Amino acid sequence: MRRRMGRVIPSLLAAAGAVFMIVGIYRGEMAVVLRKAINICLECIGIG
């Protein structure tokens, strides 16, 4: 029983993560995150 739960929980967490990623992409949040990442990178380099 314990070994089975050891396999089920990580699988459920991975599936939940995939669902949340798909929902975020569908809502257009991927562009927002990319824009913020670019701004942070440019600030660290000193260009932005």
PDB file of N, CA and C in Angstrom:
ATOM      1  N   MET A   1       0.824  -1.201   0.000  1.00  0.00           N
ATOM      2  CA  MET A   1       0.000   0.000   0.000  1.00  0.00           C
ATOM      3  C   MET A   1       0.858   1.250   0.000  1.00  0.00           C
ATOM      4  N   ARG A   2       1.870   1.252   0.851  1.00  0.00           N
ATOM      5  CA  ARG A   2       2.733   2.426   0.961  1.00  0.00           C
ATOM      6  C   ARG A   2       3.514   2.661  -0.335  1.00  0.00           C
ATOM      7  N   ARG A   3       3.969   1.591  -0.949  1.00  0.00           N
ATOM      8  CA  ARG A   3       4.726   1.721  -2.198  1.00  0.00           C
ATOM      9  C   ARG A   3       3.834   2.281  -3.313  1.00  0.00           C
ATOM     10  N   ARG A   4       2.571   1.854  -3.318  1.00  0.00           N
ATOM     11  CA  ARG A   4       1.630   2.341  -4.334  1.00  0.00           C
ATOM     12  C   ARG A   4       1.396   3.837  -4.172  1.00  0.00           C
ATOM     13  N   MET A   5       1.223   4.293  -2.939  1.00  0.00           N
ATOM     14  CA  MET A   5       1.020   5.722  -2.685  1.00  0.00           C
ATOM     15  C   MET A   5       2.266   6.520  -3.062  1.00  0.00           C
ATOM     16  N   GLY A   6       3.426   5.893  -2.927  1.00  0.00           N
ATOM     17  CA  GLY A   6       4.673   6.546  -3.302  1.00  0.00           C
ATOM     18  C   GLY A   6       4.756   6.814  -4.798  1.00  0.00           C
ATOM     19  N   ARG A   7       4.008   6.074  -5.569  1.00  0.00           N
ATOM     20  CA  ARG A   7       3.985   6.287  -7.020  1.00  0.00           C
ATOM     21  C   ARG A   7       2.820   7.170  -7.452  1.00  0.00           C
ATOM     22  N   VAL A   8       1.727   7.127  -6.717  1.00  0.00           N
ATOM     23  CA  VAL A   8       0.520   7.859  -7.096  1.00  0.00           C
ATOM     24  C   VAL A   8       0.675   9.352  -6.842  1.00  0.00           C
ATOM     25  N   ILE A   9       1.202   9.715  -5.690  1.00  0.00           N
ATOM     26  CA  ILE A   9       1.294  11.134  -5.326  1.00  0.00           C
ATOM     27  C   ILE A   9       2.164  11.928  -6.306  1.00  0.00           C
ATOM     28  N   PRO A  10       3.377  11.481  -6.641  1.00  0.00           N
ATOM     29  CA  PRO A  10       4.153  12.247  -7.629  1.00  0.00           C
ATOM     30  C   PRO A  10       3.469  12.332  -8.988  1.00  0.00           C
ATOM     31  N   SER A  11       2.778  11.275  -9.374  1.00  0.00           N
ATOM     32  CA  SER A  11       2.057  11.292 -10.653  1.00  0.00           C
ATOM     33  C   SER A  11       0.938  12.325 -10.635  1.00  0.00           C
ATOM     34  N   LEU A  12       0.205  12.394  -9.529  1.00  0.00           N
ATOM     35  CA  LEU A  12      -0.873  13.382  -9.412  1.00  0.00           C
ATOM     36  C   LEU A  12      -0.316  14.806  -9.409  1.00  0.00           C
ATOM     37  N   LEU A  13       0.794  15.010  -8.731  1.00  0.00           N
ATOM     38  CA  LEU A  13       1.405  16.337  -8.709  1.00  0.00           C
ATOM     39  C   LEU A  13       1.897  16.748 -10.097  1.00  0.00           C
ATOM     40  N   ALA A  14       2.481  15.816 -10.823  1.00  0.00           N
ATOM     41  CA  ALA A  14       2.933  16.112 -12.180  1.00  0.00           C
ATOM     42  C   ALA A  14       1.748  16.430 -13.088  1.00  0.00           C
ATOM     43  N   ALA A  15       0.665  15.680 -12.944  1.00  0.00           N
ATOM     44  CA  ALA A  15      -0.529  15.931 -13.759  1.00  0.00           C
ATOM     45  C   ALA A  15      -1.130  17.290 -13.418  1.00  0.00           C
ATOM     46  N   ALA A  16      -1.184  17.635 -12.128  1.00  0.00           N
ATOM     47  CA  ALA A  16      -1.715  18.941 -11.725  1.00  0.00           C
ATOM     48  C   ALA A  16      -0.844  20.063 -12.279  1.00  0.00           C
ATOM     49  N   GLY A  17       0.471  19.892 -12.245  1.00  0.00           N
ATOM     50  CA  GLY A  17       1.372  20.896 -12.804  1.00  0.00           C
ATOM     51  C   GLY A  17       1.153  21.087 -14.297  1.00  0.00           C
ATOM     52  N   ALA A  18       0.967  19.982 -15.008  1.00  0.00           N
ATOM     53  CA  ALA A  18       0.724  20.066 -16.451  1.00  0.00           C
ATOM     54  C   ALA A  18      -0.590  20.784 -16.744  1.00  0.00           C
ATOM     55  N   VAL A  19      -1.621  20.494 -15.949  1.00  0.00           N
ATOM     56  CA  VAL A  19      -2.915  21.154 -16.142  1.00  0.00           C
ATOM     57  C   VAL A  19      -2.789  22.652 -15.904  1.00  0.00           C
ATOM     58  N   PHE A  20      -2.091  23.043 -14.831  1.00  0.00           N
ATOM     59  CA  PHE A  20      -1.930  24.466 -14.545  1.00  0.00           C
ATOM     60  C   PHE A  20      -1.109  25.161 -15.634  1.00  0.00           C
ATOM     61  N   MET A  21      -0.108  24.484 -16.185  1.00  0.00           N
ATOM     62  CA  MET A  21       0.665  25.074 -17.283  1.00  0.00           C
ATOM     63  C   MET A  21      -0.210  25.291 -18.508  1.00  0.00           C
ATOM     64  N   ILE A  22      -1.038  24.332 -18.835  1.00  0.00           N
ATOM     65  CA  ILE A  22      -1.926  24.448 -19.995  1.00  0.00           C
ATOM     66  C   ILE A  22      -2.927  25.583 -19.790  1.00  0.00           C
ATOM     67  N   VAL A  23      -3.483  25.684 -18.588  1.00  0.00           N
ATOM     68  CA  VAL A  23      -4.430  26.763 -18.295  1.00  0.00           C
ATOM     69  C   VAL A  23      -3.741  28.121 -18.415  1.00  0.00           C
ATOM     70  N   GLY A  24      -2.520  28.228 -17.913  1.00  0.00           N
ATOM     71  CA  GLY A  24      -1.782  29.480 -18.004  1.00  0.00           C
ATOM     72  C   GLY A  24      -1.480  29.871 -19.443  1.00  0.00           C
ATOM     73  N   ILE A  25      -1.095  28.911 -20.253  1.00  0.00           N
ATOM     74  CA  ILE A  25      -0.830  29.188 -21.664  1.00  0.00           C
ATOM     75  C   ILE A  25      -2.113  29.614 -22.364  1.00  0.00           C
ATOM     76  N   TYR A  26      -3.228  28.951 -22.044  1.00  0.00           N
ATOM     77  CA  TYR A  26      -4.515  29.282 -22.645  1.00  0.00           C
ATOM     78  C   TYR A  26      -4.940  30.709 -22.295  1.00  0.00           C
ATOM     79  N   ARG A  27      -4.628  31.151 -21.076  1.00  0.00           N
ATOM     80  CA  ARG A  27      -5.013  32.489 -20.633  1.00  0.00           C
ATOM     81  C   ARG A  27      -4.050  33.573 -21.127  1.00  0.00           C
ATOM     82  N   GLY A  28      -2.970  33.190 -21.792  1.00  0.00           N
ATOM     83  CA  GLY A  28      -2.039  34.163 -22.340  1.00  0.00           C
ATOM     84  C   GLY A  28      -1.001  34.646 -21.340  1.00  0.00           C
ATOM     85  N   GLU A  29      -0.822  33.923 -20.263  1.00  0.00           N
ATOM     86  CA  GLU A  29       0.123  34.344 -19.240  1.00  0.00           C
ATOM     87  C   GLU A  29       1.562  34.023 -19.613  1.00  0.00           C
ATOM     88  N   MET A  30       1.758  33.184 -20.613  1.00  0.00           N
ATOM     89  CA  MET A  30       3.113  32.851 -21.028  1.00  0.00           C
ATOM     90  C   MET A  30       3.840  34.092 -21.551  1.00  0.00           C
ATOM     91  N   ALA A  31       3.140  34.944 -22.267  1.00  0.00           N
ATOM     92  CA  ALA A  31       3.746  36.166 -22.794  1.00  0.00           C
ATOM     93  C   ALA A  31       4.119  37.125 -21.668  1.00  0.00           C
ATOM     94  N   VAL A  32       3.294  37.187 -20.626  1.00  0.00           N
ATOM     95  CA  VAL A  32       3.573  38.060 -19.490  1.00  0.00           C
ATOM     96  C   VAL A  32       4.833  37.593 -18.763  1.00  0.00           C
ATOM     97  N   VAL A  33       4.924  36.297 -18.530  1.00  0.00           N
ATOM     98  CA  VAL A  33       6.086  35.744 -17.840  1.00  0.00           C
ATOM     99  C   VAL A  33       7.345  35.952 -18.674  1.00  0.00           C
ATOM    100  N   LEU A  34       7.256  35.738 -19.970  1.00  0.00           N
ATOM    101  CA  LEU A  34       8.421  35.940 -20.841  1.00  0.00           C
ATOM    102  C   LEU A  34       8.861  37.397 -20.831  1.00  0.00           C
ATOM    103  N   ARG A  35       7.912  38.327 -20.877  1.00  0.00           N
ATOM    104  CA  ARG A  35       8.240  39.743 -20.849  1.00  0.00           C
ATOM    105  C   ARG A  35       8.950  40.112 -19.541  1.00  0.00           C
ATOM    106  N   LYS A  36       8.464  39.609 -18.424  1.00  0.00           N
ATOM    107  CA  LYS A  36       9.097  39.884 -17.130  1.00  0.00           C
ATOM    108  C   LYS A  36      10.489  39.274 -17.064  1.00  0.00           C
ATOM    109  N   ALA A  37      10.649  38.069 -17.601  1.00  0.00           N
ATOM    110  CA  ALA A  37      11.964  37.426 -17.596  1.00  0.00           C
ATOM    111  C   ALA A  37      12.956  38.217 -18.440  1.00  0.00           C
ATOM    112  N   ILE A  38      12.520  38.726 -19.575  1.00  0.00           N
ATOM    113  CA  ILE A  38      13.404  39.533 -20.422  1.00  0.00           C
ATOM    114  C   ILE A  38      13.810  40.803 -19.702  1.00  0.00           C
ATOM    115  N   ASN A  39      12.859  41.461 -19.043  1.00  0.00           N
ATOM    116  CA  ASN A  39      13.182  42.690 -18.303  1.00  0.00           C
ATOM    117  C   ASN A  39      14.179  42.425 -17.183  1.00  0.00           C
ATOM    118  N   ILE A  40      13.997  41.333 -16.466  1.00  0.00           N
ATOM    119  CA  ILE A  40      14.928  41.008 -15.374  1.00  0.00           C
ATOM    120  C   ILE A  40      16.309  40.726 -15.936  1.00  0.00           C
ATOM    121  N   CYS A  41      16.398  39.999 -17.029  1.00  0.00           N
ATOM    122  CA  CYS A  41      17.696  39.692 -17.629  1.00  0.00           C
ATOM    123  C   CYS A  41      18.388  40.976 -18.088  1.00  0.00           C
ATOM    124  N   LEU A  42      17.659  41.847 -18.738  1.00  0.00           N
ATOM    125  CA  LEU A  42      18.247  43.085 -19.222  1.00  0.00           C
ATOM    126  C   LEU A  42      18.689  43.977 -18.076  1.00  0.00           C
ATOM    127  N   GLU A  43      17.964  43.969 -16.953  1.00  0.00           N
ATOM    128  CA  GLU A  43      18.361  44.757 -15.801  1.00  0.00           C
ATOM    129  C   GLU A  43      19.623  44.188 -15.172  1.00  0.00           C
ATOM    130  N   CYS A  44      19.751  42.872 -15.135  1.00  0.00           N
ATOM    131  CA  CYS A  44      20.947  42.257 -14.542  1.00  0.00           C
ATOM    132  C   CYS A  44      22.180  42.570 -15.377  1.00  0.00           C
ATOM    133  N   ILE A  45      22.039  42.571 -16.680  1.00  0.00           N
ATOM    134  CA  ILE A  45      23.164  42.862 -17.565  1.00  0.00           C
ATOM    135  C   ILE A  45      23.487  44.349 -17.530  1.00  0.00           C
ATOM    136  N   GLY A  46      22.486  45.160 -17.282  1.00  0.00           N
ATOM    137  CA  GLY A  46      22.687  46.595 -17.210  1.00  0.00           C
ATOM    138  C   GLY A  46      22.277  47.326 -18.464  1.00  0.00           C
ATOM    139  N   ILE A  47      21.595  46.653 -19.368  1.00  0.00           N
ATOM    140  CA  ILE A  47      21.174  47.300 -20.619  1.00  0.00           C
ATOM    141  C   ILE A  47      19.853  48.037 -20.422  1.00  0.00           C
ATOM    142  N   GLY A  48      18.934  47.431 -19.678  1.00  0.00           N
ATOM    143  CA  GLY A  48      17.596  47.977 -19.547  1.00  0.00           C
ATOM    144  C   GLY A  48      17.524  48.922 -18.410  1.00  0.00           C
TER     145      GLY A  48
END
